[in-house]
């Protein structure tokens, strides 16, 4: 089932959108290798739990010489990209994959958030 998801066209579009969000954010704050770091982030995000953390560490190590303000901005860009991806794009993609309406998935996310 996981390999079927990897071959799913919308899943690839989700990874491309994540790469674009990260690359654009890193380009705006003038980080070197921004497009490559966006690609690495999209690839590592496939690994559950650990992947996004590894991608963040790689981004921070790459921009270490730029100063603390740049590192803080990278952290903010990373958080915004992850929130956008996990709360908007991913439910839509999984809804299409599971043949569920995206609003049903959003509803279950909301039920999960509110105690």
PDB file of N, CA and C in Angstrom:
ATOM      1  N   UNK A   1       0.812  -1.183   0.000  1.00  0.00           N
ATOM      2  CA  UNK A   1       0.000   0.000   0.000  1.00  0.00           C
ATOM      3  C   UNK A   1       0.865   1.259   0.000  1.00  0.00           C
ATOM      4  N   UNK A   2       1.993   1.235   0.732  1.00  0.00           N
ATOM      5  CA  UNK A   2       2.888   2.383   0.792  1.00  0.00           C
ATOM      6  C   UNK A   2       3.494   2.659  -0.579  1.00  0.00           C
ATOM      7  N   UNK A   3       3.870   1.605  -1.293  1.00  0.00           N
ATOM      8  CA  UNK A   3       4.460   1.790  -2.615  1.00  0.00           C
ATOM      9  C   UNK A   3       3.413   2.278  -3.613  1.00  0.00           C
ATOM     10  N   UNK A   4       2.163   1.862  -3.428  1.00  0.00           N
ATOM     11  CA  UNK A   4       1.097   2.381  -4.275  1.00  0.00           C
ATOM     12  C   UNK A   4       0.914   3.876  -4.030  1.00  0.00           C
ATOM     13  N   UNK A   5       1.049   4.294  -2.771  1.00  0.00           N
ATOM     14  CA  UNK A   5       0.946   5.712  -2.444  1.00  0.00           C
ATOM     15  C   UNK A   5       2.098   6.495  -3.056  1.00  0.00           C
ATOM     16  N   UNK A   6       3.307   5.927  -3.030  1.00  0.00           N
ATOM     17  CA  UNK A   6       4.464   6.608  -3.611  1.00  0.00           C
ATOM     18  C   UNK A   6       4.304   6.812  -5.111  1.00  0.00           C
ATOM     19  N   UNK A   7       3.646   5.899  -5.771  1.00  0.00           N
ATOM     20  CA  UNK A   7       3.443   6.011  -7.206  1.00  0.00           C
ATOM     21  C   UNK A   7       2.229   6.859  -7.549  1.00  0.00           C
ATOM     22  N   UNK A   8       1.443   7.212  -6.574  1.00  0.00           N
ATOM     23  CA  UNK A   8       0.229   7.991  -6.793  1.00  0.00           C
ATOM     24  C   UNK A   8       0.615   9.394  -7.243  1.00  0.00           C
ATOM     25  N   UNK A   9      -0.019   9.875  -8.289  1.00  0.00           N
ATOM     26  CA  UNK A   9       0.343  11.142  -8.910  1.00  0.00           C
ATOM     27  C   UNK A   9       0.150  12.323  -7.957  1.00  0.00           C
ATOM     28  N   UNK A  10      -0.928  12.321  -7.172  1.00  0.00           N
ATOM     29  CA  UNK A  10      -1.169  13.425  -6.250  1.00  0.00           C
ATOM     30  C   UNK A  10      -0.149  13.453  -5.119  1.00  0.00           C
ATOM     31  N   UNK A  11       0.351  12.283  -4.729  1.00  0.00           N
ATOM     32  CA  UNK A  11       1.382  12.240  -3.692  1.00  0.00           C
ATOM     33  C   UNK A  11       2.644  12.932  -4.187  1.00  0.00           C
ATOM     34  N   UNK A  12       2.984  12.698  -5.449  1.00  0.00           N
ATOM     35  CA  UNK A  12       4.151  13.385  -6.020  1.00  0.00           C
ATOM     36  C   UNK A  12       3.906  14.880  -6.101  1.00  0.00           C
ATOM     37  N   UNK A  13       2.677  15.282  -6.412  1.00  0.00           N
ATOM     38  CA  UNK A  13       2.354  16.701  -6.445  1.00  0.00           C
ATOM     39  C   UNK A  13       2.482  17.323  -5.057  1.00  0.00           C
ATOM     40  N   UNK A  14       2.121  16.562  -4.033  1.00  0.00           N
ATOM     41  CA  UNK A  14       2.261  17.067  -2.668  1.00  0.00           C
ATOM     42  C   UNK A  14       3.731  17.307  -2.341  1.00  0.00           C
ATOM     43  N   UNK A  15       4.581  16.384  -2.713  1.00  0.00           N
ATOM     44  CA  UNK A  15       6.009  16.547  -2.446  1.00  0.00           C
ATOM     45  C   UNK A  15       6.573  17.724  -3.232  1.00  0.00           C
ATOM     46  N   UNK A  16       6.087  17.894  -4.462  1.00  0.00           N
ATOM     47  CA  UNK A  16       6.535  19.040  -5.253  1.00  0.00           C
ATOM     48  C   UNK A  16       6.075  20.346  -4.617  1.00  0.00           C
ATOM     49  N   UNK A  17       4.869  20.368  -4.078  1.00  0.00           N
ATOM     50  CA  UNK A  17       4.387  21.597  -3.440  1.00  0.00           C
ATOM     51  C   UNK A  17       5.189  21.893  -2.180  1.00  0.00           C
ATOM     52  N   UNK A  18       5.534  20.844  -1.443  1.00  0.00           N
ATOM     53  CA  UNK A  18       6.352  21.063  -0.244  1.00  0.00           C
ATOM     54  C   UNK A  18       7.730  21.585  -0.616  1.00  0.00           C
ATOM     55  N   UNK A  19       8.301  21.031  -1.671  1.00  0.00           N
ATOM     56  CA  UNK A  19       9.602  21.510  -2.127  1.00  0.00           C
ATOM     57  C   UNK A  19       9.513  22.975  -2.527  1.00  0.00           C
ATOM     58  N   UNK A  20       8.457  23.338  -3.222  1.00  0.00           N
ATOM     59  CA  UNK A  20       8.291  24.727  -3.657  1.00  0.00           C
ATOM     60  C   UNK A  20       8.119  25.671  -2.477  1.00  0.00           C
ATOM     61  N   UNK A  21       7.328  25.263  -1.484  1.00  0.00           N
ATOM     62  CA  UNK A  21       7.127  26.113  -0.312  1.00  0.00           C
ATOM     63  C   UNK A  21       8.445  26.339   0.415  1.00  0.00           C
ATOM     64  N   UNK A  22       9.185  25.259   0.643  1.00  0.00           N
ATOM     65  CA  UNK A  22      10.461  25.386   1.353  1.00  0.00           C
ATOM     66  C   UNK A  22      11.474  26.177   0.537  1.00  0.00           C
ATOM     67  N   UNK A  23      11.591  25.866  -0.747  1.00  0.00           N
ATOM     68  CA  UNK A  23      12.577  26.550  -1.587  1.00  0.00           C
ATOM     69  C   UNK A  23      12.255  28.035  -1.690  1.00  0.00           C
ATOM     70  N   UNK A  24      10.989  28.375  -1.841  1.00  0.00           N
ATOM     71  CA  UNK A  24      10.598  29.776  -1.939  1.00  0.00           C
ATOM     72  C   UNK A  24      10.889  30.510  -0.637  1.00  0.00           C
ATOM     73  N   UNK A  25      10.556  29.892   0.481  1.00  0.00           N
ATOM     74  CA  UNK A  25      10.836  30.512   1.775  1.00  0.00           C
ATOM     75  C   UNK A  25      12.323  30.713   2.002  1.00  0.00           C
ATOM     76  N   UNK A  26      13.121  29.716   1.632  1.00  0.00           N
ATOM     77  CA  UNK A  26      14.566  29.835   1.815  1.00  0.00           C
ATOM     78  C   UNK A  26      15.177  30.826   0.829  1.00  0.00           C
ATOM     79  N   UNK A  27      14.603  30.912  -0.364  1.00  0.00           N
ATOM     80  CA  UNK A  27      15.075  31.914  -1.326  1.00  0.00           C
ATOM     81  C   UNK A  27      14.768  33.331  -0.838  1.00  0.00           C
ATOM     82  N   UNK A  28      13.620  33.511  -0.200  1.00  0.00           N
ATOM     83  CA  UNK A  28      13.254  34.830   0.302  1.00  0.00           C
ATOM     84  C   UNK A  28      14.195  35.324   1.397  1.00  0.00           C
ATOM     85  N   UNK A  29      14.714  34.396   2.190  1.00  0.00           N
ATOM     86  CA  UNK A  29      15.655  34.817   3.235  1.00  0.00           C
ATOM     87  C   UNK A  29      17.107  34.645   2.790  1.00  0.00           C
ATOM     88  N   UNK A  30      17.278  34.377   1.502  1.00  0.00           N
ATOM     89  CA  UNK A  30      18.597  34.342   0.854  1.00  0.00           C
ATOM     90  C   UNK A  30      19.547  33.295   1.452  1.00  0.00           C
ATOM     91  N   UNK A  31      19.046  32.078   1.581  1.00  0.00           N
ATOM     92  CA  UNK A  31      19.867  30.968   2.046  1.00  0.00           C
ATOM     93  C   UNK A  31      20.533  30.323   0.836  1.00  0.00           C
ATOM     94  N   UNK A  32      21.808  30.009   0.963  1.00  0.00           N
ATOM     95  CA  UNK A  32      22.502  29.318  -0.122  1.00  0.00           C
ATOM     96  C   UNK A  32      21.912  27.919  -0.301  1.00  0.00           C
ATOM     97  N   UNK A  33      21.894  27.448  -1.531  1.00  0.00           N
ATOM     98  CA  UNK A  33      21.388  26.114  -1.885  1.00  0.00           C
ATOM     99  C   UNK A  33      19.918  25.938  -1.505  1.00  0.00           C
ATOM    100  N   UNK A  34      19.126  26.991  -1.638  1.00  0.00           N
ATOM    101  CA  UNK A  34      17.730  26.948  -1.200  1.00  0.00           C
ATOM    102  C   UNK A  34      16.923  25.895  -1.958  1.00  0.00           C
ATOM    103  N   UNK A  35      17.117  25.800  -3.262  1.00  0.00           N
ATOM    104  CA  UNK A  35      16.347  24.838  -4.049  1.00  0.00           C
ATOM    105  C   UNK A  35      16.746  23.410  -3.691  1.00  0.00           C
ATOM    106  N   UNK A  36      18.028  23.183  -3.518  1.00  0.00           N
ATOM    107  CA  UNK A  36      18.496  21.853  -3.117  1.00  0.00           C
ATOM    108  C   UNK A  36      17.974  21.487  -1.728  1.00  0.00           C
ATOM    109  N   UNK A  37      17.959  22.443  -0.816  1.00  0.00           N
ATOM    110  CA  UNK A  37      17.446  22.173   0.526  1.00  0.00           C
ATOM    111  C   UNK A  37      15.942  21.899   0.500  1.00  0.00           C
ATOM    112  N   UNK A  38      15.216  22.575  -0.383  1.00  0.00           N
ATOM    113  CA  UNK A  38      13.792  22.281  -0.541  1.00  0.00           C
ATOM    114  C   UNK A  38      13.571  20.877  -1.058  1.00  0.00           C
ATOM    115  N   UNK A  39      14.400  20.447  -1.998  1.00  0.00           N
ATOM    116  CA  UNK A  39      14.305  19.087  -2.532  1.00  0.00           C
ATOM    117  C   UNK A  39      14.632  18.056  -1.458  1.00  0.00           C
ATOM    118  N   UNK A  40      15.670  18.299  -0.685  1.00  0.00           N
ATOM    119  CA  UNK A  40      16.041  17.383   0.396  1.00  0.00           C
ATOM    120  C   UNK A  40      14.921  17.291   1.430  1.00  0.00           C
ATOM    121  N   UNK A  41      14.300  18.429   1.734  1.00  0.00           N
ATOM    122  CA  UNK A  41      13.189  18.440   2.684  1.00  0.00           C
ATOM    123  C   UNK A  41      12.027  17.600   2.175  1.00  0.00           C
ATOM    124  N   UNK A  42      11.706  17.739   0.890  1.00  0.00           N
ATOM    125  CA  UNK A  42      10.596  16.963   0.322  1.00  0.00           C
ATOM    126  C   UNK A  42      10.899  15.469   0.339  1.00  0.00           C
ATOM    127  N   UNK A  43      12.135  15.106   0.054  1.00  0.00           N
ATOM    128  CA  UNK A  43      12.498  13.687   0.038  1.00  0.00           C
ATOM    129  C   UNK A  43      12.498  13.106   1.450  1.00  0.00           C
ATOM    130  N   UNK A  44      13.080  13.831   2.401  1.00  0.00           N
ATOM    131  CA  UNK A  44      13.157  13.317   3.768  1.00  0.00           C
ATOM    132  C   UNK A  44      11.803  13.318   4.470  1.00  0.00           C
ATOM    133  N   UNK A  45      10.864  14.115   3.979  1.00  0.00           N
ATOM    134  CA  UNK A  45       9.546  14.153   4.608  1.00  0.00           C
ATOM    135  C   UNK A  45       8.776  12.852   4.396  1.00  0.00           C
ATOM    136  N   UNK A  46       9.238  12.009   3.498  1.00  0.00           N
ATOM    137  CA  UNK A  46       8.607  10.700   3.291  1.00  0.00           C
ATOM    138  C   UNK A  46       8.816   9.817   4.522  1.00  0.00           C
ATOM    139  N   UNK A  47       9.940   9.999   5.208  1.00  0.00           N
ATOM    140  CA  UNK A  47      10.234   9.206   6.409  1.00  0.00           C
ATOM    141  C   UNK A  47       9.386   9.741   7.562  1.00  0.00           C
ATOM    142  N   UNK A  48       8.517   8.929   8.137  1.00  0.00           N
ATOM    143  CA  UNK A  48       7.656   9.425   9.218  1.00  0.00           C
ATOM    144  C   UNK A  48       8.452   9.807  10.455  1.00  0.00           C
ATOM    145  N   UNK A  49       8.019  10.824  11.150  1.00  0.00           N
ATOM    146  CA  UNK A  49       8.509  11.334  12.419  1.00  0.00           C
ATOM    147  C   UNK A  49       9.935  11.883  12.321  1.00  0.00           C
ATOM    148  N   UNK A  50      10.874  11.123  11.824  1.00  0.00           N
ATOM    149  CA  UNK A  50      12.286  11.500  11.839  1.00  0.00           C
ATOM    150  C   UNK A  50      12.662  12.381  10.646  1.00  0.00           C
ATOM    151  N   UNK A  51      12.037  12.181   9.504  1.00  0.00           N
ATOM    152  CA  UNK A  51      12.408  12.865   8.276  1.00  0.00           C
ATOM    153  C   UNK A  51      12.383  14.376   8.338  1.00  0.00           C
ATOM    154  N   UNK A  52      11.272  14.986   8.796  1.00  0.00           N
ATOM    155  CA  UNK A  52      11.261  16.442   8.873  1.00  0.00           C
ATOM    156  C   UNK A  52      12.311  17.011   9.826  1.00  0.00           C
ATOM    157  N   UNK A  53      12.566  16.321  10.913  1.00  0.00           N
ATOM    158  CA  UNK A  53      13.613  16.763  11.838  1.00  0.00           C
ATOM    159  C   UNK A  53      14.985  16.719  11.214  1.00  0.00           C
ATOM    160  N   UNK A  54      15.263  15.652  10.470  1.00  0.00           N
ATOM    161  CA  UNK A  54      16.552  15.559   9.769  1.00  0.00           C
ATOM    162  C   UNK A  54      16.682  16.667   8.733  1.00  0.00           C
ATOM    163  N   UNK A  55      15.604  16.943   8.028  1.00  0.00           N
ATOM    164  CA  UNK A  55      15.641  18.002   7.022  1.00  0.00           C
ATOM    165  C   UNK A  55      15.914  19.359   7.672  1.00  0.00           C
ATOM    166  N   UNK A  56      15.287  19.609   8.813  1.00  0.00           N
ATOM    167  CA  UNK A  56      15.526  20.866   9.520  1.00  0.00           C
ATOM    168  C   UNK A  56      16.976  20.973   9.982  1.00  0.00           C
ATOM    169  N   UNK A  57      17.512  19.885  10.505  1.00  0.00           N
ATOM    170  CA  UNK A  57      18.907  19.890  10.954  1.00  0.00           C
ATOM    171  C   UNK A  57      19.844  20.159   9.784  1.00  0.00           C
ATOM    172  N   UNK A  58      19.583  19.551   8.636  1.00  0.00           N
ATOM    173  CA  UNK A  58      20.418  19.786   7.453  1.00  0.00           C
ATOM    174  C   UNK A  58      20.339  21.244   7.021  1.00  0.00           C
ATOM    175  N   UNK A  59      19.135  21.814   7.033  1.00  0.00           N
ATOM    176  CA  UNK A  59      18.979  23.226   6.664  1.00  0.00           C
ATOM    177  C   UNK A  59      19.732  24.135   7.633  1.00  0.00           C
ATOM    178  N   UNK A  60      19.625  23.848   8.921  1.00  0.00           N
ATOM    179  CA  UNK A  60      20.293  24.684   9.913  1.00  0.00           C
ATOM    180  C   UNK A  60      21.809  24.563   9.829  1.00  0.00           C
ATOM    181  N   UNK A  61      22.316  23.363   9.581  1.00  0.00           N
ATOM    182  CA  UNK A  61      23.761  23.181   9.440  1.00  0.00           C
ATOM    183  C   UNK A  61      24.276  23.911   8.204  1.00  0.00           C
ATOM    184  N   UNK A  62      23.514  23.844   7.123  1.00  0.00           N
ATOM    185  CA  UNK A  62      23.933  24.505   5.887  1.00  0.00           C
ATOM    186  C   UNK A  62      24.007  26.024   6.066  1.00  0.00           C
ATOM    187  N   UNK A  63      23.077  26.603   6.819  1.00  0.00           N
ATOM    188  CA  UNK A  63      23.024  28.053   6.977  1.00  0.00           C
ATOM    189  C   UNK A  63      23.647  28.532   8.289  1.00  0.00           C
ATOM    190  N   UNK A  64      24.449  27.708   8.923  1.00  0.00           N
ATOM    191  CA  UNK A  64      25.014  28.030  10.231  1.00  0.00           C
ATOM    192  C   UNK A  64      25.845  29.317  10.198  1.00  0.00           C
ATOM    193  N   UNK A  65      26.610  29.527   9.139  1.00  0.00           N
ATOM    194  CA  UNK A  65      27.489  30.695   9.063  1.00  0.00           C
ATOM    195  C   UNK A  65      26.750  31.991   8.778  1.00  0.00           C
ATOM    196  N   UNK A  66      25.466  31.903   8.446  1.00  0.00           N
ATOM    197  CA  UNK A  66      24.700  33.106   8.100  1.00  0.00           C
ATOM    198  C   UNK A  66      24.273  33.920   9.311  1.00  0.00           C
ATOM    199  N   UNK A  67      24.327  33.345  10.476  1.00  0.00           N
ATOM    200  CA  UNK A  67      23.983  34.088  11.682  1.00  0.00           C
ATOM    201  C   UNK A  67      22.709  33.575  12.345  1.00  0.00           C
ATOM    202  N   UNK A  68      22.484  34.012  13.588  1.00  0.00           N
ATOM    203  CA  UNK A  68      21.343  33.504  14.347  1.00  0.00           C
ATOM    204  C   UNK A  68      19.989  33.965  13.796  1.00  0.00           C
ATOM    205  N   UNK A  69      19.926  35.161  13.211  1.00  0.00           N
ATOM    206  CA  UNK A  69      18.659  35.629  12.657  1.00  0.00           C
ATOM    207  C   UNK A  69      18.222  34.753  11.487  1.00  0.00           C
ATOM    208  N   UNK A  70      19.157  34.377  10.644  1.00  0.00           N
ATOM    209  CA  UNK A  70      18.844  33.500   9.516  1.00  0.00           C
ATOM    210  C   UNK A  70      18.394  32.135  10.006  1.00  0.00           C
ATOM    211  N   UNK A  71      19.036  31.623  11.041  1.00  0.00           N
ATOM    212  CA  UNK A  71      18.631  30.329  11.595  1.00  0.00           C
ATOM    213  C   UNK A  71      17.218  30.394  12.162  1.00  0.00           C
ATOM    214  N   UNK A  72      16.890  31.496  12.813  1.00  0.00           N
ATOM    215  CA  UNK A  72      15.541  31.668  13.340  1.00  0.00           C
ATOM    216  C   UNK A  72      14.523  31.757  12.195  1.00  0.00           C
ATOM    217  N   UNK A  73      14.867  32.478  11.139  1.00  0.00           N
ATOM    218  CA  UNK A  73      13.968  32.587   9.987  1.00  0.00           C
ATOM    219  C   UNK A  73      13.777  31.237   9.291  1.00  0.00           C
ATOM    220  N   UNK A  74      14.839  30.443   9.227  1.00  0.00           N
ATOM    221  CA  UNK A  74      14.723  29.104   8.646  1.00  0.00           C
ATOM    222  C   UNK A  74      13.773  28.257   9.478  1.00  0.00           C
ATOM    223  N   UNK A  75      13.881  28.355  10.785  1.00  0.00           N
ATOM    224  CA  UNK A  75      12.983  27.615  11.665  1.00  0.00           C
ATOM    225  C   UNK A  75      11.534  28.045  11.455  1.00  0.00           C
ATOM    226  N   UNK A  76      11.306  29.347  11.303  1.00  0.00           N
ATOM    227  CA  UNK A  76       9.948  29.851  11.072  1.00  0.00           C
ATOM    228  C   UNK A  76       9.417  29.376   9.730  1.00  0.00           C
ATOM    229  N   UNK A  77      10.247  29.448   8.680  1.00  0.00           N
ATOM    230  CA  UNK A  77       9.831  28.977   7.355  1.00  0.00           C
ATOM    231  C   UNK A  77       9.509  27.488   7.399  1.00  0.00           C
ATOM    232  N   UNK A  78      10.328  26.725   8.095  1.00  0.00           N
ATOM    233  CA  UNK A  78      10.116  25.291   8.190  1.00  0.00           C
ATOM    234  C   UNK A  78       8.802  24.977   8.909  1.00  0.00           C
ATOM    235  N   UNK A  79       8.523  25.684   9.990  1.00  0.00           N
ATOM    236  CA  UNK A  79       7.278  25.461  10.736  1.00  0.00           C
ATOM    237  C   UNK A  79       6.072  25.821   9.885  1.00  0.00           C
ATOM    238  N   UNK A  80       6.139  26.953   9.175  1.00  0.00           N
ATOM    239  CA  UNK A  80       5.022  27.358   8.316  1.00  0.00           C
ATOM    240  C   UNK A  80       4.804  26.345   7.203  1.00  0.00           C
ATOM    241  N   UNK A  81       5.889  25.876   6.587  1.00  0.00           N
ATOM    242  CA  UNK A  81       5.764  24.894   5.503  1.00  0.00           C
ATOM    243  C   UNK A  81       5.170  23.586   6.018  1.00  0.00           C
ATOM    244  N   UNK A  82       5.609  23.126   7.177  1.00  0.00           N
ATOM    245  CA  UNK A  82       5.079  21.879   7.729  1.00  0.00           C
ATOM    246  C   UNK A  82       3.607  22.020   8.119  1.00  0.00           C
ATOM    247  N   UNK A  83       3.247  23.164   8.718  1.00  0.00           N
ATOM    248  CA  UNK A  83       1.841  23.368   9.085  1.00  0.00           C
ATOM    249  C   UNK A  83       0.956  23.427   7.850  1.00  0.00           C
ATOM    250  N   UNK A  84       1.406  24.135   6.824  1.00  0.00           N
ATOM    251  CA  UNK A  84       0.613  24.223   5.591  1.00  0.00           C
ATOM    252  C   UNK A  84       0.472  22.851   4.947  1.00  0.00           C
ATOM    253  N   UNK A  85       1.558  22.123   4.912  1.00  0.00           N
ATOM    254  CA  UNK A  85       1.541  20.812   4.269  1.00  0.00           C
ATOM    255  C   UNK A  85       0.680  19.821   5.044  1.00  0.00           C
ATOM    256  N   UNK A  86       0.860  19.767   6.346  1.00  0.00           N
ATOM    257  CA  UNK A  86       0.160  18.765   7.152  1.00  0.00           C
ATOM    258  C   UNK A  86      -1.314  19.088   7.384  1.00  0.00           C
ATOM    259  N   UNK A  87      -1.687  20.366   7.346  1.00  0.00           N
ATOM    260  CA  UNK A  87      -3.063  20.722   7.653  1.00  0.00           C
ATOM    261  C   UNK A  87      -3.919  21.039   6.441  1.00  0.00           C
ATOM    262  N   UNK A  88      -3.306  21.280   5.291  1.00  0.00           N
ATOM    263  CA  UNK A  88      -4.102  21.633   4.119  1.00  0.00           C
ATOM    264  C   UNK A  88      -3.877  20.688   2.948  1.00  0.00           C
ATOM    265  N   UNK A  89      -2.646  20.480   2.576  1.00  0.00           N
ATOM    266  CA  UNK A  89      -2.369  19.693   1.370  1.00  0.00           C
ATOM    267  C   UNK A  89      -2.537  18.200   1.630  1.00  0.00           C
ATOM    268  N   UNK A  90      -1.959  17.700   2.697  1.00  0.00           N
ATOM    269  CA  UNK A  90      -1.992  16.261   2.965  1.00  0.00           C
ATOM    270  C   UNK A  90      -3.402  15.700   3.156  1.00  0.00           C
ATOM    271  N   UNK A  91      -4.285  16.356   3.912  1.00  0.00           N
ATOM    272  CA  UNK A  91      -5.651  15.810   4.001  1.00  0.00           C
ATOM    273  C   UNK A  91      -6.343  15.741   2.643  1.00  0.00           C
ATOM    274  N   UNK A  92      -6.099  16.706   1.796  1.00  0.00           N
ATOM    275  CA  UNK A  92      -6.698  16.681   0.462  1.00  0.00           C
ATOM    276  C   UNK A  92      -6.177  15.494  -0.347  1.00  0.00           C
ATOM    277  N   UNK A  93      -4.866  15.273  -0.297  1.00  0.00           N
ATOM    278  CA  UNK A  93      -4.252  14.166  -1.047  1.00  0.00           C
ATOM    279  C   UNK A  93      -4.741  12.826  -0.508  1.00  0.00           C
ATOM    280  N   UNK A  94      -4.740  12.656   0.821  1.00  0.00           N
ATOM    281  CA  UNK A  94      -5.178  11.387   1.394  1.00  0.00           C
ATOM    282  C   UNK A  94      -6.668  11.165   1.174  1.00  0.00           C
ATOM    283  N   UNK A  95      -7.440  12.264   1.145  1.00  0.00           N
ATOM    284  CA  UNK A  95      -8.863  12.130   0.847  1.00  0.00           C
ATOM    285  C   UNK A  95      -9.092  11.588  -0.550  1.00  0.00           C
ATOM    286  N   UNK A  96      -8.309  12.063  -1.512  1.00  0.00           N
ATOM    287  CA  UNK A  96      -8.435  11.535  -2.868  1.00  0.00           C
ATOM    288  C   UNK A  96      -7.945  10.095  -2.938  1.00  0.00           C
ATOM    289  N   UNK A  97      -6.898   9.794  -2.186  1.00  0.00           N
ATOM    290  CA  UNK A  97      -6.336   8.444  -2.197  1.00  0.00           C
ATOM    291  C   UNK A  97      -7.304   7.444  -1.574  1.00  0.00           C
ATOM    292  N   UNK A  98      -7.993   7.850  -0.511  1.00  0.00           N
ATOM    293  CA  UNK A  98      -8.909   6.954   0.200  1.00  0.00           C
ATOM    294  C   UNK A  98     -10.348   7.077  -0.286  1.00  0.00           C
ATOM    295  N   UNK A  99     -10.571   7.879  -1.310  1.00  0.00           N
ATOM    296  CA  UNK A  99     -11.914   8.127  -1.849  1.00  0.00           C
ATOM    297  C   UNK A  99     -12.851   8.698  -0.785  1.00  0.00           C
ATOM    298  N   UNK A 100     -12.326   9.591   0.034  1.00  0.00           N
ATOM    299  CA  UNK A 100     -13.119  10.322   1.021  1.00  0.00           C
ATOM    300  C   UNK A 100     -13.102  11.799   0.655  1.00  0.00           C
ATOM    301  N   UNK A 101     -14.168  12.480   1.008  1.00  0.00           N
ATOM    302  CA  UNK A 101     -14.187  13.912   0.777  1.00  0.00           C
ATOM    303  C   UNK A 101     -13.189  14.571   1.733  1.00  0.00           C
ATOM    304  N   UNK A 102     -12.414  15.564   1.268  1.00  0.00           N
ATOM    305  CA  UNK A 102     -11.428  16.209   2.147  1.00  0.00           C
ATOM    306  C   UNK A 102     -12.029  16.812   3.408  1.00  0.00           C
ATOM    307  N   UNK A 103     -13.287  17.263   3.339  1.00  0.00           N
ATOM    308  CA  UNK A 103     -13.911  17.832   4.544  1.00  0.00           C
ATOM    309  C   UNK A 103     -14.070  16.797   5.648  1.00  0.00           C
ATOM    310  N   UNK A 104     -14.266  15.547   5.279  1.00  0.00           N
ATOM    311  CA  UNK A 104     -14.361  14.485   6.290  1.00  0.00           C
ATOM    312  C   UNK A 104     -13.025  14.332   7.002  1.00  0.00           C
ATOM    313  N   UNK A 105     -11.951  14.385   6.256  1.00  0.00           N
ATOM    314  CA  UNK A 105     -10.625  14.279   6.866  1.00  0.00           C
ATOM    315  C   UNK A 105     -10.345  15.492   7.736  1.00  0.00           C
ATOM    316  N   UNK A 106     -10.713  16.698   7.268  1.00  0.00           N
ATOM    317  CA  UNK A 106     -10.550  17.891   8.099  1.00  0.00           C
ATOM    318  C   UNK A 106     -11.370  17.779   9.384  1.00  0.00           C
ATOM    319  N   UNK A 107     -12.570  17.227   9.281  1.00  0.00           N
ATOM    320  CA  UNK A 107     -13.422  17.050  10.455  1.00  0.00           C
ATOM    321  C   UNK A 107     -12.744  16.128  11.465  1.00  0.00           C
ATOM    322  N   UNK A 108     -12.188  15.025  10.989  1.00  0.00           N
ATOM    323  CA  UNK A 108     -11.509  14.108  11.901  1.00  0.00           C
ATOM    324  C   UNK A 108     -10.244  14.725  12.485  1.00  0.00           C
ATOM    325  N   UNK A 109      -9.550  15.560  11.717  1.00  0.00           N
ATOM    326  CA  UNK A 109      -8.408  16.284  12.272  1.00  0.00           C
ATOM    327  C   UNK A 109      -8.862  17.233  13.360  1.00  0.00           C
ATOM    328  N   UNK A 110      -9.973  17.921  13.130  1.00  0.00           N
ATOM    329  CA  UNK A 110     -10.495  18.847  14.124  1.00  0.00           C
ATOM    330  C   UNK A 110     -10.935  18.116  15.386  1.00  0.00           C
ATOM    331  N   UNK A 111     -11.599  16.985  15.226  1.00  0.00           N
ATOM    332  CA  UNK A 111     -12.018  16.184  16.374  1.00  0.00           C
ATOM    333  C   UNK A 111     -10.806  15.697  17.164  1.00  0.00           C
ATOM    334  N   UNK A 112      -9.748  15.380  16.458  1.00  0.00           N
ATOM    335  CA  UNK A 112      -8.525  14.914  17.103  1.00  0.00           C
ATOM    336  C   UNK A 112      -7.832  16.041  17.871  1.00  0.00           C
ATOM    337  N   UNK A 113      -7.937  17.279  17.387  1.00  0.00           N
ATOM    338  CA  UNK A 113      -7.274  18.398  18.042  1.00  0.00           C
ATOM    339  C   UNK A 113      -8.028  18.849  19.280  1.00  0.00           C
ATOM    340  N   UNK A 114      -9.337  18.966  19.164  1.00  0.00           N
ATOM    341  CA  UNK A 114     -10.166  19.440  20.265  1.00  0.00           C
ATOM    342  C   UNK A 114     -10.425  18.287  21.245  1.00  0.00           C
ATOM    343  N   UNK A 115     -10.054  18.457  22.530  1.00  0.00           N
ATOM    344  CA  UNK A 115     -10.250  17.341  23.477  1.00  0.00           C
ATOM    345  C   UNK A 115     -11.692  17.097  23.822  1.00  0.00           C
TER     346      UNK A 115
END
